[in-house]
Protein backbone atom coordinates (compact mmCIF):
# COMPACT_ATOMS: atom_id res chain seq x y z
CA MET A 1 0.40 0.12 0.14
CA ARG A 2 1.24 3.45 -1.10
CA GLN A 3 1.77 6.36 1.98
CA LEU A 4 -0.25 9.14 0.56
CA SER A 5 1.30 13.06 0.95
CA LEU A 6 -0.85 15.88 2.01
CA PHE A 7 1.56 17.82 0.59
CA ASP A 8 1.96 16.47 -3.16
CA GLY A 9 1.33 18.61 -5.74
CA GLY A 10 -0.09 16.39 -7.83
CA ASN A 11 -2.60 17.06 -10.71
CA ASP A 12 -4.66 19.54 -8.93
CA SER A 13 -6.90 20.14 -12.23
CA ALA A 14 -8.66 17.25 -11.59
CA LEU A 15 -10.45 18.66 -8.40
CA ALA A 16 -12.70 20.42 -10.98
CA GLY A 17 -14.38 17.62 -12.23
CA LEU A 18 -14.74 15.73 -9.31
CA MET A 19 -18.17 16.58 -7.89
CA PRO A 20 -19.45 16.14 -11.34
CA ALA A 21 -18.24 12.93 -11.70
CA VAL A 22 -19.22 11.67 -8.08
CA ARG A 23 -22.84 13.28 -9.26
CA ALA A 24 -22.45 10.83 -12.58
CA ALA A 25 -21.74 8.09 -10.68
CA MET A 26 -24.81 8.99 -8.33
CA ASN A 27 -27.23 9.13 -11.15
CA VAL A 28 -26.16 5.61 -12.43
CA ALA A 29 -26.57 4.18 -9.18
CA ALA A 30 -29.49 5.57 -8.67
CA GLY A 31 -30.90 4.73 -12.02
CA GLN A 32 -34.12 6.41 -14.20
CA ASP A 33 -36.99 5.44 -12.22
CA GLU A 34 -38.82 8.10 -10.71
CA GLU A 35 -40.24 5.31 -8.40
CA GLY A 36 -36.81 3.59 -7.50
CA ARG A 37 -35.48 6.81 -6.82
CA LYS A 38 -38.51 7.64 -4.38
CA ARG A 39 -37.90 4.32 -2.56
CA LEU A 40 -34.24 5.38 -2.41
CA VAL A 41 -34.79 8.54 -0.62
CA ASP A 42 -36.58 6.62 1.98
CA ARG A 43 -34.01 3.68 2.49
CA ILE A 44 -31.26 6.68 2.82
CA ASN A 45 -32.95 8.37 5.37
CA GLN A 46 -33.51 4.68 6.79
CA ILE A 47 -29.95 4.65 7.35
CA ALA A 48 -29.53 8.06 8.21
CA THR A 49 -31.88 7.49 11.33
CA ASN A 50 -30.27 4.43 12.39
CA ALA A 51 -27.40 5.77 11.94
CA GLY A 52 -27.82 8.98 14.34
CA ILE A 53 -26.38 11.29 11.52
CA LYS A 54 -28.05 14.20 9.92
CA LEU A 55 -27.44 14.67 5.91
CA THR A 56 -27.85 18.18 5.30
CA ALA A 57 -27.68 21.37 7.50
CA GLY A 58 -30.46 22.91 9.23
CA ASN A 59 -33.02 21.11 10.98
CA THR A 60 -34.27 18.75 8.94
CA LYS A 61 -33.85 15.07 9.97
CA ALA A 62 -34.74 13.62 6.61
CA ILE A 63 -33.76 14.27 2.42
CA SER A 64 -36.77 14.98 0.63
CA LYS A 65 -36.58 13.74 -3.50
CA ASP A 66 -36.42 17.24 -4.38
CA THR A 67 -32.58 17.04 -2.16
CA LEU A 68 -31.74 14.01 -3.96
CA ASP A 69 -32.46 15.08 -7.24
CA LYS A 70 -30.20 18.36 -6.47
CA TRP A 71 -27.70 15.73 -5.44
CA LEU A 72 -27.80 14.09 -9.01
CA SER A 73 -28.08 17.26 -11.20
CA PRO A 74 -24.74 17.58 -12.88
CA SER A 75 -25.58 21.14 -13.54
CA ASP A 76 -26.41 22.39 -9.94
CA ARG A 77 -23.32 23.50 -8.14
CA ASP A 78 -25.53 25.19 -5.48
CA HIS A 79 -25.96 21.62 -3.42
CA PRO A 80 -23.39 19.12 -3.69
CA PRO A 81 -24.04 16.65 -1.39
CA SER A 82 -21.55 15.93 1.86
CA LEU A 83 -18.98 13.13 1.86
CA LEU A 84 -20.93 11.55 4.62
CA ALA A 85 -24.62 11.90 2.30
CA VAL A 86 -22.01 10.14 -0.50
CA VAL A 87 -21.80 7.10 1.86
CA VAL A 88 -24.61 6.81 3.11
CA PHE A 89 -26.44 6.54 -0.72
CA CYS A 90 -23.56 4.05 -1.93
CA ARG A 91 -25.06 2.48 1.30
CA ALA A 92 -28.28 2.73 0.30
CA THR A 93 -27.72 1.58 -3.56
CA GLY A 94 -25.22 -1.05 -3.00
CA ASP A 95 -22.64 0.84 -5.11
CA ALA A 96 -20.01 2.33 -4.47
CA GLY A 97 -19.30 3.69 -7.81
CA PRO A 98 -19.87 7.03 -6.49
CA LEU A 99 -16.95 6.81 -4.08
CA ARG A 100 -14.45 5.90 -6.78
CA PRO A 101 -13.84 9.18 -8.19
CA LEU A 102 -13.03 10.84 -5.12
CA VAL A 103 -10.38 8.11 -3.52
CA ARG A 104 -8.99 8.10 -7.42
CA ALA A 105 -8.16 11.66 -6.69
CA LEU A 106 -5.89 10.64 -3.95
CA GLY A 107 -4.86 8.43 -6.12
CA VAL A 108 -5.93 5.10 -4.92
CA ASP A 109 -9.17 3.03 -5.92
CA VAL A 110 -11.77 1.08 -4.62
CA MET A 111 -11.74 -3.35 -4.89
CA THR A 112 -14.92 -4.58 -5.32
CA ASP A 113 -15.51 -8.41 -3.70
CA GLU A 114 -15.33 -9.48 -7.23
CA ASP A 115 -12.08 -7.60 -7.76
CA ARG A 116 -10.82 -9.58 -4.33
CA ARG A 117 -11.37 -12.53 -5.62
CA HIS A 118 -9.45 -12.14 -8.95
CA ARG A 119 -6.51 -10.26 -6.92
CA ASP A 120 -6.44 -13.34 -4.48
CA TYR A 121 -6.79 -16.17 -7.87
CA GLY A 122 -3.90 -14.03 -9.27
CA ARG A 123 -1.60 -13.99 -6.06
CA ALA A 124 -2.67 -17.84 -5.90
CA CYS A 125 -1.25 -18.54 -9.93
CA LEU A 126 1.61 -16.52 -8.52
CA GLU A 127 2.58 -18.60 -5.93
CA GLU A 128 1.87 -21.70 -7.05
CA ARG A 129 4.13 -20.94 -10.21
CA ALA A 130 7.25 -20.01 -7.27
CA ALA A 131 6.33 -23.33 -5.47
CA ARG A 132 7.36 -25.31 -8.76
CA LYS A 133 10.39 -23.31 -9.31
CA ARG A 134 11.42 -24.00 -5.73
CA LYS A 135 10.54 -27.55 -6.19
CA LYS A 136 12.14 -28.21 -9.72
CA LYS A 137 15.54 -26.30 -8.01
CA LEU A 138 14.92 -28.53 -5.04
CA GLU A 139 14.92 -31.76 -7.60
CA GLU A 140 17.88 -30.40 -9.36
CA ASP A 141 19.86 -30.36 -6.16
CA ILE A 142 19.31 -34.45 -5.40
């Protein structure tokens, strides 16, 4: 794992497109069905209530469908979802895609369970190959 630096200059211009990329990923995860989005609002509110967190400023304890629509709107620059709201959204949809642009901006990525299985399989193949080489060397020495 690579140690990240808070002071690394990096490509700061990529940060300008960060929120549109997050919103686009949230749009994909939310789907286009209006009824599905209404149910999504209910799931988001239930997760936030169960966790005892607020997703908006002010006295409002729950988000509305209008708030979700503002979070998902590519042209709305005045109502970005908070990081906590993005995490709750990801839990509600079961899709970590909206987090991917955020962590990629730091030079890392999100690994799904399937990605992890492929990584583990590849690692096992490499270990098997190394074991065969060690075995062959030992046989030659006998």
